[in-house]
Structure formats: C-alpha cells, structure tokens
Amino acid sequence: MDPNDSETACFEAGVKFGSLYHQFAGTPISPESADSLATAMAEAIENQPHCRDVTVRIREDALRAAIDQQSADYTEFTGRFADVEMVIDYEDVTVETSMQTDGDYPLMAVEEVIHSET
C-alpha cells in the first residue's frame, strides 16, 4: 500500500527535522553566534524539497545558563537551545511542525495537517 499525501508530507517533515538536528548538533555556539547559527540552520533546511518555511529561535536564556556553568565562552548546540517550526508542502497537503524541548529531550511534533481545497 502506497502512503497517502498526508503521510508523505509528515515523513518529509521528519526527514527535515532529522537533518537539521543531526547536521548541527555539536556545533560550537555562543550568545554572539546564536543568531547566525539560527539563520544558517533555517536556510540550509529550506533548500530541501517541499520545505516552505523554517524558523529557528535560539533559547538564549538556556544558552547563557549552560555557558555560565562551565569555563569556556561557548558550548555545543543541542536541541535544548532551540525552538524550531517548519512548514512542509507536499501535493495538496501542508504540514505545520515544531521542535520543542521536554526536559532535556528535543521532541518533534506535527502540529497540524491541512488539506487544500481543490
């Protein structure tokens, strides 16, 4: 049985989140580089097929707190430092997704699946 358009759109969202997270996990980040890293993440993922929009917001309070507890002026990027939203368009389906942190674990979620009226 072939996947329907909603399933394919959700799969595409998962691919993009996996790519974003694993491509950038471990990247050195500081408060001074946070905005440029967020922009690079969003622009890199927006290159992928079916990706209409990506928003990455760095949680600077969490970032500063982590840096304050160590001797370096930077730390490594992990999901706990970002809130991410993506919009994926596949055929007649738009999927709105997000990544937020639950404790110290990043969770990717499908927020809404919208079918176009055709």
N, C-alpha and C. Protein backbone atom coordinates (compact mmCIF):
# COMPACT_ATOMS: atom_id res chain seq x y z
N MET A 1 0.84 -1.18 0.00
CA MET A 1 0.00 0.00 0.00
C MET A 1 0.89 1.24 0.00
N ASP A 2 0.65 2.14 -0.92
CA ASP A 2 1.41 3.37 -1.01
C ASP A 2 0.95 4.36 0.05
N PRO A 3 1.87 5.18 0.55
CA PRO A 3 1.47 6.20 1.53
C PRO A 3 0.60 7.27 0.87
N ASN A 4 -0.33 7.83 1.64
CA ASN A 4 -1.13 8.93 1.09
C ASN A 4 -0.33 10.23 1.22
N ASP A 5 -0.87 11.32 0.68
CA ASP A 5 -0.14 12.59 0.68
C ASP A 5 0.13 13.11 2.09
N SER A 6 -0.80 12.92 3.02
CA SER A 6 -0.59 13.36 4.40
C SER A 6 0.57 12.60 5.04
N GLU A 7 0.61 11.31 4.83
CA GLU A 7 1.70 10.50 5.38
C GLU A 7 3.04 10.90 4.77
N THR A 8 3.06 11.13 3.48
CA THR A 8 4.30 11.54 2.82
C THR A 8 4.76 12.90 3.31
N ALA A 9 3.83 13.84 3.48
CA ALA A 9 4.18 15.17 3.97
C ALA A 9 4.76 15.09 5.39
N CYS A 10 4.17 14.27 6.22
CA CYS A 10 4.69 14.09 7.59
C CYS A 10 6.06 13.43 7.57
N PHE A 11 6.25 12.47 6.69
CA PHE A 11 7.56 11.84 6.53
C PHE A 11 8.60 12.87 6.11
N GLU A 12 8.25 13.72 5.15
CA GLU A 12 9.17 14.77 4.70
C GLU A 12 9.54 15.69 5.86
N ALA A 13 8.58 16.02 6.71
CA ALA A 13 8.89 16.85 7.87
C ALA A 13 9.89 16.15 8.78
N GLY A 14 9.69 14.87 9.01
CA GLY A 14 10.62 14.11 9.85
C GLY A 14 12.03 14.09 9.28
N VAL A 15 12.13 13.94 7.97
CA VAL A 15 13.44 13.95 7.31
C VAL A 15 14.13 15.28 7.56
N LYS A 16 13.38 16.37 7.43
CA LYS A 16 13.97 17.69 7.60
C LYS A 16 14.41 17.93 9.04
N PHE A 17 13.61 17.49 10.01
CA PHE A 17 14.00 17.64 11.41
C PHE A 17 15.23 16.81 11.72
N GLY A 18 15.28 15.59 11.22
CA GLY A 18 16.45 14.75 11.45
C GLY A 18 17.69 15.37 10.86
N SER A 19 17.56 15.91 9.67
CA SER A 19 18.68 16.57 9.01
C SER A 19 19.13 17.79 9.80
N LEU A 20 18.19 18.63 10.21
CA LEU A 20 18.53 19.83 10.96
C LEU A 20 19.23 19.47 12.25
N TYR A 21 18.65 18.56 12.99
CA TYR A 21 19.20 18.26 14.31
C TYR A 21 20.58 17.62 14.21
N HIS A 22 20.70 16.62 13.39
CA HIS A 22 21.96 15.88 13.34
C HIS A 22 23.05 16.59 12.56
N GLN A 23 22.68 17.48 11.67
CA GLN A 23 23.69 18.27 10.96
C GLN A 23 24.34 19.29 11.89
N PHE A 24 23.57 19.86 12.82
CA PHE A 24 24.08 20.96 13.63
C PHE A 24 24.38 20.59 15.07
N ALA A 25 23.97 19.42 15.55
CA ALA A 25 24.29 19.01 16.91
C ALA A 25 25.80 19.00 17.09
N GLY A 26 26.26 19.61 18.15
CA GLY A 26 27.69 19.68 18.43
C GLY A 26 28.38 20.91 17.90
N THR A 27 27.68 21.73 17.12
CA THR A 27 28.28 22.96 16.60
C THR A 27 28.57 23.91 17.75
N PRO A 28 29.76 24.48 17.80
CA PRO A 28 30.03 25.46 18.85
C PRO A 28 29.07 26.65 18.73
N ILE A 29 28.51 27.07 19.87
CA ILE A 29 27.55 28.18 19.87
C ILE A 29 27.79 29.05 21.10
N SER A 30 27.67 30.34 20.90
CA SER A 30 27.78 31.32 21.98
C SER A 30 26.64 32.33 21.78
N PRO A 31 26.39 33.16 22.77
CA PRO A 31 25.37 34.19 22.56
C PRO A 31 25.67 35.07 21.34
N GLU A 32 26.95 35.32 21.08
CA GLU A 32 27.32 36.16 19.95
C GLU A 32 27.09 35.48 18.60
N SER A 33 27.15 34.17 18.55
CA SER A 33 26.98 33.45 17.29
C SER A 33 25.58 32.84 17.14
N ALA A 34 24.73 33.00 18.13
CA ALA A 34 23.42 32.34 18.13
C ALA A 34 22.56 32.73 16.93
N ASP A 35 22.48 34.01 16.62
CA ASP A 35 21.63 34.44 15.51
C ASP A 35 22.13 33.91 14.18
N SER A 36 23.45 33.96 13.97
CA SER A 36 23.97 33.47 12.69
C SER A 36 23.80 31.97 12.56
N LEU A 37 23.93 31.22 13.66
CA LEU A 37 23.70 29.78 13.59
C LEU A 37 22.23 29.49 13.29
N ALA A 38 21.32 30.22 13.93
CA ALA A 38 19.88 30.02 13.66
C ALA A 38 19.57 30.29 12.20
N THR A 39 20.14 31.34 11.64
CA THR A 39 19.92 31.66 10.23
C THR A 39 20.48 30.57 9.33
N ALA A 40 21.69 30.12 9.63
CA ALA A 40 22.30 29.05 8.82
C ALA A 40 21.47 27.78 8.86
N MET A 41 20.97 27.43 10.02
CA MET A 41 20.14 26.23 10.15
C MET A 41 18.89 26.34 9.29
N ALA A 42 18.19 27.45 9.43
CA ALA A 42 16.95 27.64 8.68
C ALA A 42 17.20 27.64 7.18
N GLU A 43 18.21 28.38 6.74
CA GLU A 43 18.47 28.47 5.30
C GLU A 43 18.94 27.14 4.72
N ALA A 44 19.69 26.36 5.48
CA ALA A 44 20.15 25.06 4.99
C ALA A 44 18.97 24.12 4.79
N ILE A 45 18.06 24.08 5.75
CA ILE A 45 16.94 23.14 5.65
C ILE A 45 15.93 23.61 4.61
N GLU A 46 15.76 24.91 4.44
CA GLU A 46 14.83 25.42 3.43
C GLU A 46 15.24 25.02 2.01
N ASN A 47 16.48 24.61 1.81
CA ASN A 47 16.91 24.13 0.50
C ASN A 47 16.27 22.79 0.12
N GLN A 48 15.80 22.05 1.07
CA GLN A 48 15.28 20.71 0.80
C GLN A 48 13.91 20.77 0.13
N PRO A 49 13.60 19.74 -0.67
CA PRO A 49 12.31 19.71 -1.37
C PRO A 49 11.13 19.78 -0.39
N HIS A 50 10.09 20.44 -0.83
CA HIS A 50 8.79 20.52 -0.13
C HIS A 50 8.84 21.40 1.12
N CYS A 51 9.97 22.03 1.41
CA CYS A 51 10.10 22.84 2.61
C CYS A 51 9.75 24.28 2.26
N ARG A 52 8.65 24.77 2.81
CA ARG A 52 8.23 26.14 2.52
C ARG A 52 8.84 27.15 3.47
N ASP A 53 8.92 26.79 4.75
CA ASP A 53 9.40 27.77 5.73
C ASP A 53 10.01 27.06 6.93
N VAL A 54 11.10 27.62 7.43
CA VAL A 54 11.74 27.13 8.66
C VAL A 54 12.06 28.33 9.53
N THR A 55 11.69 28.25 10.79
CA THR A 55 12.02 29.27 11.77
C THR A 55 12.79 28.61 12.90
N VAL A 56 13.97 29.13 13.19
CA VAL A 56 14.80 28.64 14.30
C VAL A 56 15.01 29.80 15.25
N ARG A 57 14.62 29.60 16.51
CA ARG A 57 14.84 30.60 17.55
C ARG A 57 15.74 29.96 18.61
N ILE A 58 16.87 30.59 18.87
CA ILE A 58 17.78 30.09 19.89
C ILE A 58 17.28 30.56 21.26
N ARG A 59 17.23 29.66 22.20
CA ARG A 59 16.81 29.96 23.57
C ARG A 59 18.03 30.52 24.32
N GLU A 60 18.21 31.81 24.18
CA GLU A 60 19.43 32.44 24.71
C GLU A 60 19.53 32.34 26.23
N ASP A 61 18.40 32.30 26.94
CA ASP A 61 18.47 32.15 28.38
C ASP A 61 19.08 30.80 28.75
N ALA A 62 18.65 29.74 28.07
CA ALA A 62 19.21 28.41 28.32
C ALA A 62 20.67 28.34 27.89
N LEU A 63 20.99 28.98 26.79
CA LEU A 63 22.36 29.02 26.29
C LEU A 63 23.27 29.72 27.31
N ARG A 64 22.86 30.88 27.77
CA ARG A 64 23.68 31.61 28.74
C ARG A 64 23.83 30.84 30.05
N ALA A 65 22.77 30.19 30.50
CA ALA A 65 22.84 29.40 31.73
C ALA A 65 23.84 28.25 31.60
N ALA A 66 23.84 27.60 30.45
CA ALA A 66 24.78 26.49 30.22
C ALA A 66 26.22 27.00 30.20
N ILE A 67 26.45 28.13 29.56
CA ILE A 67 27.80 28.69 29.47
C ILE A 67 28.27 29.16 30.85
N ASP A 68 27.36 29.70 31.64
CA ASP A 68 27.73 30.18 32.98
C ASP A 68 28.22 29.05 33.89
N GLN A 69 27.86 27.80 33.57
CA GLN A 69 28.23 26.66 34.40
C GLN A 69 29.52 25.98 33.94
N GLN A 70 30.22 26.59 32.99
CA GLN A 70 31.46 25.98 32.50
C GLN A 70 32.53 27.05 32.33
N SER A 71 33.72 26.62 31.98
CA SER A 71 34.83 27.57 31.89
C SER A 71 34.96 28.22 30.51
N ALA A 72 34.40 27.63 29.47
CA ALA A 72 34.51 28.18 28.11
C ALA A 72 33.45 29.25 27.88
N ASP A 73 33.67 30.07 26.85
CA ASP A 73 32.72 31.13 26.50
C ASP A 73 31.71 30.65 25.46
N TYR A 74 31.63 29.37 25.23
CA TYR A 74 30.69 28.78 24.28
C TYR A 74 30.33 27.39 24.79
N THR A 75 29.36 26.79 24.12
CA THR A 75 29.00 25.40 24.40
C THR A 75 28.66 24.74 23.08
N GLU A 76 28.24 23.49 23.12
CA GLU A 76 27.85 22.78 21.90
C GLU A 76 26.34 22.87 21.73
N PHE A 77 25.92 23.09 20.49
CA PHE A 77 24.49 23.16 20.21
C PHE A 77 23.84 21.80 20.44
N THR A 78 22.72 21.82 21.15
CA THR A 78 21.82 20.67 21.27
C THR A 78 20.40 21.21 21.13
N GLY A 79 19.44 20.32 21.02
CA GLY A 79 18.05 20.72 20.86
C GLY A 79 17.49 21.54 22.01
N ARG A 80 18.10 21.44 23.17
CA ARG A 80 17.56 22.22 24.30
C ARG A 80 17.77 23.72 24.14
N PHE A 81 18.58 24.10 23.15
CA PHE A 81 18.84 25.52 22.93
C PHE A 81 18.00 26.13 21.81
N ALA A 82 17.04 25.38 21.26
CA ALA A 82 16.31 25.92 20.11
C ALA A 82 14.84 25.52 20.12
N ASP A 83 14.04 26.44 19.62
CA ASP A 83 12.66 26.15 19.24
C ASP A 83 12.62 26.27 17.73
N VAL A 84 12.05 25.27 17.07
CA VAL A 84 12.04 25.22 15.62
C VAL A 84 10.62 25.00 15.13
N GLU A 85 10.25 25.70 14.08
CA GLU A 85 8.97 25.47 13.40
C GLU A 85 9.25 25.29 11.93
N MET A 86 8.53 24.36 11.30
CA MET A 86 8.66 24.13 9.86
C MET A 86 7.29 23.99 9.24
N VAL A 87 7.22 24.44 7.99
CA VAL A 87 6.02 24.25 7.19
C VAL A 87 6.45 23.47 5.95
N ILE A 88 5.80 22.34 5.74
CA ILE A 88 6.10 21.46 4.62
C ILE A 88 4.88 21.41 3.71
N ASP A 89 5.10 21.59 2.42
CA ASP A 89 4.03 21.47 1.42
C ASP A 89 4.34 20.26 0.55
N TYR A 90 3.38 19.34 0.47
CA TYR A 90 3.51 18.19 -0.40
C TYR A 90 2.17 17.97 -1.10
N GLU A 91 2.19 18.07 -2.40
CA GLU A 91 0.96 17.95 -3.20
C GLU A 91 -0.10 18.89 -2.63
N ASP A 92 -1.22 18.36 -2.16
CA ASP A 92 -2.31 19.21 -1.66
C ASP A 92 -2.34 19.29 -0.13
N VAL A 93 -1.21 18.98 0.51
CA VAL A 93 -1.15 18.93 1.97
C VAL A 93 -0.07 19.88 2.49
N THR A 94 -0.43 20.62 3.53
CA THR A 94 0.53 21.44 4.26
C THR A 94 0.62 20.88 5.67
N VAL A 95 1.85 20.65 6.12
CA VAL A 95 2.07 20.15 7.47
C VAL A 95 2.84 21.21 8.25
N GLU A 96 2.28 21.60 9.39
CA GLU A 96 2.94 22.53 10.29
C GLU A 96 3.51 21.72 11.44
N THR A 97 4.81 21.90 11.70
CA THR A 97 5.51 21.09 12.68
C THR A 97 6.33 21.96 13.61
N SER A 98 6.78 21.37 14.72
CA SER A 98 7.62 22.12 15.65
C SER A 98 8.56 21.17 16.38
N MET A 99 9.62 21.76 16.91
CA MET A 99 10.52 21.06 17.81
C MET A 99 10.61 21.90 19.06
N GLN A 100 10.31 21.28 20.18
CA GLN A 100 10.42 21.95 21.47
C GLN A 100 11.08 20.96 22.43
N THR A 101 11.54 21.47 23.52
CA THR A 101 12.24 20.62 24.47
C THR A 101 11.31 20.21 25.60
N ASP A 102 11.34 18.93 25.93
CA ASP A 102 10.62 18.39 27.08
C ASP A 102 11.69 17.94 28.06
N GLY A 103 11.94 18.75 29.08
CA GLY A 103 13.08 18.48 29.96
C GLY A 103 14.35 18.77 29.19
N ASP A 104 15.16 17.75 28.96
CA ASP A 104 16.38 17.94 28.18
C ASP A 104 16.31 17.18 26.86
N TYR A 105 15.11 16.76 26.46
CA TYR A 105 14.96 15.97 25.25
C TYR A 105 14.19 16.74 24.18
N PRO A 106 14.74 16.87 22.97
CA PRO A 106 14.01 17.57 21.90
C PRO A 106 12.93 16.67 21.30
N LEU A 107 11.74 17.20 21.22
CA LEU A 107 10.63 16.46 20.62
C LEU A 107 10.16 17.17 19.36
N MET A 108 10.02 16.41 18.28
CA MET A 108 9.48 16.94 17.05
C MET A 108 8.01 16.54 17.00
N ALA A 109 7.16 17.49 16.63
CA ALA A 109 5.72 17.23 16.65
C ALA A 109 5.05 17.75 15.40
N VAL A 110 4.04 17.02 14.95
CA VAL A 110 3.15 17.51 13.89
C VAL A 110 2.08 18.31 14.60
N GLU A 111 2.01 19.59 14.29
CA GLU A 111 1.04 20.48 14.93
C GLU A 111 -0.29 20.47 14.19
N GLU A 112 -0.22 20.46 12.86
CA GLU A 112 -1.45 20.50 12.06
C GLU A 112 -1.18 19.96 10.67
N VAL A 113 -2.17 19.23 10.15
CA VAL A 113 -2.14 18.74 8.78
C VAL A 113 -3.32 19.40 8.07
N ILE A 114 -3.03 20.18 7.02
CA ILE A 114 -4.05 20.96 6.33
C ILE A 114 -4.16 20.48 4.89
N HIS A 115 -5.34 20.10 4.49
CA HIS A 115 -5.59 19.66 3.11
C HIS A 115 -6.17 20.84 2.32
N SER A 116 -5.56 21.12 1.20
CA SER A 116 -6.05 22.21 0.34
C SER A 116 -7.36 21.80 -0.29
N GLU A 117 -8.19 22.78 -0.48
CA GLU A 117 -9.44 22.57 -1.19
C GLU A 117 -9.15 22.66 -2.68
N THR A 118 -9.28 21.58 -3.39
CA THR A 118 -9.03 21.61 -4.84
C THR A 118 -10.25 21.17 -5.60
